[in-house]
Amino acid sequence: MKSYNSVYKDERKNAINEQKSAVDKDRAKLIAAIKKGYCVDDFSSLDESTRAKFRNIINEMWNKETGLTEKGLAFVNEAASVLTELSTEEDIHKYVTRSLKANKEEILQKVATEKECKVLSNIKRNVEADTKKKLSKKLYMKWIGEVIVPLLSKKVNGIVLN
């Protein structure tokens, strides 16, 4: 019969190996999702600055102890874009556009009732926190206009036509 200590050590070793395996699988899923989402065949063929950008993205979405972070889960499961300090203006624009479209009903409702829309300030705050860059108010308002004006005109045309 095995001693308690030997059984405990075996079980502990098995649990650690299972956790490491799960963390490694998470990393593989994340890398596959990044390759698919950003249309990258091989990271080694990229220039150094682009590789640094992807390294930064991976580090924000994956932790070697716990596996996928909240951002990583969102990216893998929902194909949600993730911003980092190395995100380009185009990456930020895509993120803002997706965020605005995801919250379009609430934004339109606040615009219609002339109430303050916290969604808009929250999106800007999140972008600035994730990228560590100050987002120009003029540029941000332009992006909001690109998304909200067409939606608002559809709503108005729908009301007028009915």
Protein backbone atom coordinates (compact mmCIF):
# COMPACT_ATOMS: atom_id res chain seq x y z
CA MET A 1 0.00 0.00 0.00
CA LYS A 2 1.26 3.45 -0.95
CA SER A 3 1.94 6.02 1.70
CA TYR A 4 -0.11 9.17 1.96
CA ASN A 5 2.86 11.35 0.95
CA SER A 6 3.57 9.40 -2.23
CA VAL A 7 -0.11 9.45 -3.29
CA TYR A 8 -0.29 13.17 -2.52
CA LYS A 9 2.88 13.89 -4.54
CA ASP A 10 1.60 11.85 -7.48
CA GLU A 11 -1.78 13.58 -7.48
CA ARG A 12 -0.18 16.99 -7.11
CA LYS A 13 2.18 16.27 -10.01
CA ASN A 14 -0.77 15.13 -12.16
CA ALA A 15 -2.77 18.26 -11.31
CA ILE A 16 0.19 20.52 -12.16
CA ASN A 17 0.74 18.71 -15.46
CA GLU A 18 -2.96 19.02 -16.36
CA GLN A 19 -2.90 22.75 -15.57
CA LYS A 20 0.25 23.26 -17.66
CA SER A 21 -1.36 21.34 -20.50
CA ALA A 22 -4.50 23.49 -20.33
CA VAL A 23 -2.42 26.69 -20.28
CA ASP A 24 -0.41 25.49 -23.29
CA LYS A 25 -3.62 24.64 -25.16
CA ASP A 26 -4.95 28.14 -24.39
CA ARG A 27 -1.79 29.67 -25.84
CA ALA A 28 -2.07 27.52 -28.96
CA LYS A 29 -5.73 28.58 -29.40
CA LEU A 30 -4.76 32.22 -28.96
CA ILE A 31 -1.92 32.05 -31.48
CA ALA A 32 -4.16 30.30 -33.99
CA ALA A 33 -6.87 32.96 -33.49
CA ILE A 34 -4.33 35.76 -33.89
CA LYS A 35 -2.95 34.20 -37.07
CA LYS A 36 -6.46 33.85 -38.47
CA GLY A 37 -7.70 37.26 -37.29
CA TYR A 38 -4.68 39.18 -38.54
CA CYS A 39 -4.02 36.98 -41.61
CA VAL A 40 -0.51 35.99 -40.52
CA ASP A 41 1.02 32.80 -41.87
CA ASP A 42 4.30 32.83 -39.95
CA PHE A 43 5.49 35.25 -37.28
CA SER A 44 9.14 34.72 -38.21
CA SER A 45 8.56 36.21 -41.67
CA LEU A 46 7.36 39.52 -40.17
CA ASP A 47 9.56 42.55 -39.52
CA GLU A 48 10.71 43.25 -35.96
CA SER A 49 8.22 46.03 -35.15
CA THR A 50 5.26 43.89 -36.29
CA ARG A 51 6.55 40.94 -34.28
CA ALA A 52 6.84 43.22 -31.23
CA LYS A 53 3.22 44.27 -31.75
CA PHE A 54 2.07 40.63 -31.81
CA ARG A 55 4.25 39.76 -28.79
CA ASN A 56 2.59 42.60 -26.90
CA ILE A 57 -0.88 41.41 -27.96
CA ILE A 58 -0.10 37.85 -26.85
CA ASN A 59 1.26 39.07 -23.50
CA GLU A 60 -1.91 41.06 -22.85
CA MET A 61 -4.20 38.17 -23.71
CA TRP A 62 -2.31 35.26 -22.17
CA ASN A 63 -0.64 34.64 -18.81
CA LYS A 64 1.82 31.79 -18.35
CA GLU A 65 0.36 30.84 -14.96
CA THR A 66 -3.37 31.16 -15.59
CA GLY A 67 -3.72 30.88 -19.36
CA LEU A 68 -6.07 33.17 -21.27
CA THR A 69 -6.91 36.51 -19.70
CA GLU A 70 -10.32 38.17 -20.03
CA LYS A 71 -9.16 39.97 -23.19
CA GLY A 72 -7.82 36.70 -24.57
CA LEU A 73 -11.09 34.89 -23.95
CA ALA A 74 -13.00 37.68 -25.70
CA PHE A 75 -10.61 37.54 -28.65
CA VAL A 76 -10.68 33.75 -29.02
CA ASN A 77 -14.40 33.27 -28.42
CA GLU A 78 -15.90 36.42 -29.92
CA ALA A 79 -13.18 37.61 -32.34
CA ALA A 80 -13.16 40.86 -30.36
CA SER A 81 -10.36 43.24 -31.27
CA VAL A 82 -7.85 44.01 -28.57
CA LEU A 83 -5.90 47.22 -28.18
CA THR A 84 -2.33 47.46 -26.95
CA GLU A 85 0.25 50.22 -26.62
CA LEU A 86 1.47 49.35 -30.13
CA SER A 87 -1.98 49.55 -31.72
CA THR A 88 -2.10 51.68 -34.83
CA GLU A 89 -4.66 54.38 -35.55
CA GLU A 90 -6.38 51.92 -37.89
CA ASP A 91 -6.64 49.33 -35.08
CA ILE A 92 -8.11 51.98 -32.78
CA HIS A 93 -10.57 53.10 -35.46
CA LYS A 94 -11.79 49.51 -35.98
CA TYR A 95 -12.18 49.02 -32.23
CA VAL A 96 -14.14 52.27 -31.82
CA THR A 97 -16.37 51.44 -34.79
CA ARG A 98 -17.18 47.96 -33.43
CA SER A 99 -17.84 49.36 -29.96
CA LEU A 100 -20.15 52.06 -31.30
CA LYS A 101 -22.08 49.60 -33.45
CA ALA A 102 -22.41 47.21 -30.52
CA ASN A 103 -23.99 49.98 -28.43
CA LYS A 104 -25.86 51.76 -31.22
CA GLU A 105 -29.36 51.43 -29.73
CA GLU A 106 -28.35 52.95 -26.41
CA ILE A 107 -26.42 55.74 -28.13
CA LEU A 108 -29.32 56.59 -30.45
CA GLN A 109 -31.73 56.55 -27.53
CA LYS A 110 -29.56 59.00 -25.57
CA VAL A 111 -29.16 61.25 -28.63
CA ALA A 112 -32.93 61.25 -29.20
CA THR A 113 -33.67 62.18 -25.59
CA GLU A 114 -30.77 64.67 -25.43
CA LYS A 115 -29.25 62.91 -22.44
CA GLU A 116 -25.57 62.41 -21.76
CA CYS A 117 -24.31 59.16 -23.26
CA LYS A 118 -21.78 57.55 -20.95
CA VAL A 119 -21.10 54.83 -23.54
CA LEU A 120 -19.21 57.31 -25.71
CA SER A 121 -16.97 58.48 -22.89
CA ASN A 122 -16.45 54.92 -21.67
CA ILE A 123 -15.28 53.77 -25.11
CA LYS A 124 -12.82 56.68 -25.29
CA ARG A 125 -11.58 56.01 -21.74
CA ASN A 126 -11.07 52.30 -22.51
CA VAL A 127 -9.14 53.08 -25.69
CA GLU A 128 -6.88 55.51 -23.85
CA ALA A 129 -6.32 53.06 -20.98
CA ASP A 130 -5.47 50.14 -23.28
CA THR A 131 -3.24 52.05 -25.69
CA LYS A 132 -1.74 54.52 -23.18
CA LYS A 133 -2.32 57.19 -25.86
CA LYS A 134 -4.46 60.31 -25.67
CA LEU A 135 -7.24 60.09 -28.26
CA SER A 136 -7.87 63.35 -30.13
CA LYS A 137 -11.38 64.67 -29.44
CA LYS A 138 -11.70 65.89 -33.04
CA LEU A 139 -10.74 62.50 -34.47
CA TYR A 140 -12.97 60.65 -32.01
CA MET A 141 -15.95 62.85 -32.89
CA LYS A 142 -15.27 62.21 -36.60
CA TRP A 143 -15.34 58.44 -35.98
CA ILE A 144 -18.56 58.75 -33.98
CA GLY A 145 -20.09 60.71 -36.85
CA GLU A 146 -19.06 58.05 -39.37
CA VAL A 147 -20.98 55.41 -37.42
CA ILE A 148 -23.86 57.25 -35.77
CA VAL A 149 -24.98 59.63 -38.57
CA PRO A 150 -25.85 56.80 -41.01
CA LEU A 151 -27.69 54.93 -38.25
CA LEU A 152 -29.54 58.06 -37.22
CA SER A 153 -30.54 58.85 -40.81
CA LYS A 154 -31.90 55.28 -41.21
CA LYS A 155 -33.99 55.76 -38.07
CA VAL A 156 -35.31 59.12 -39.24
CA ASN A 157 -36.09 57.79 -42.73
CA GLY A 158 -37.88 54.82 -41.15
CA ILE A 159 -40.03 57.13 -39.04
CA VAL A 160 -40.80 59.49 -41.96
CA LEU A 161 -41.68 56.66 -44.34
CA ASN A 162 -44.01 54.95 -41.87
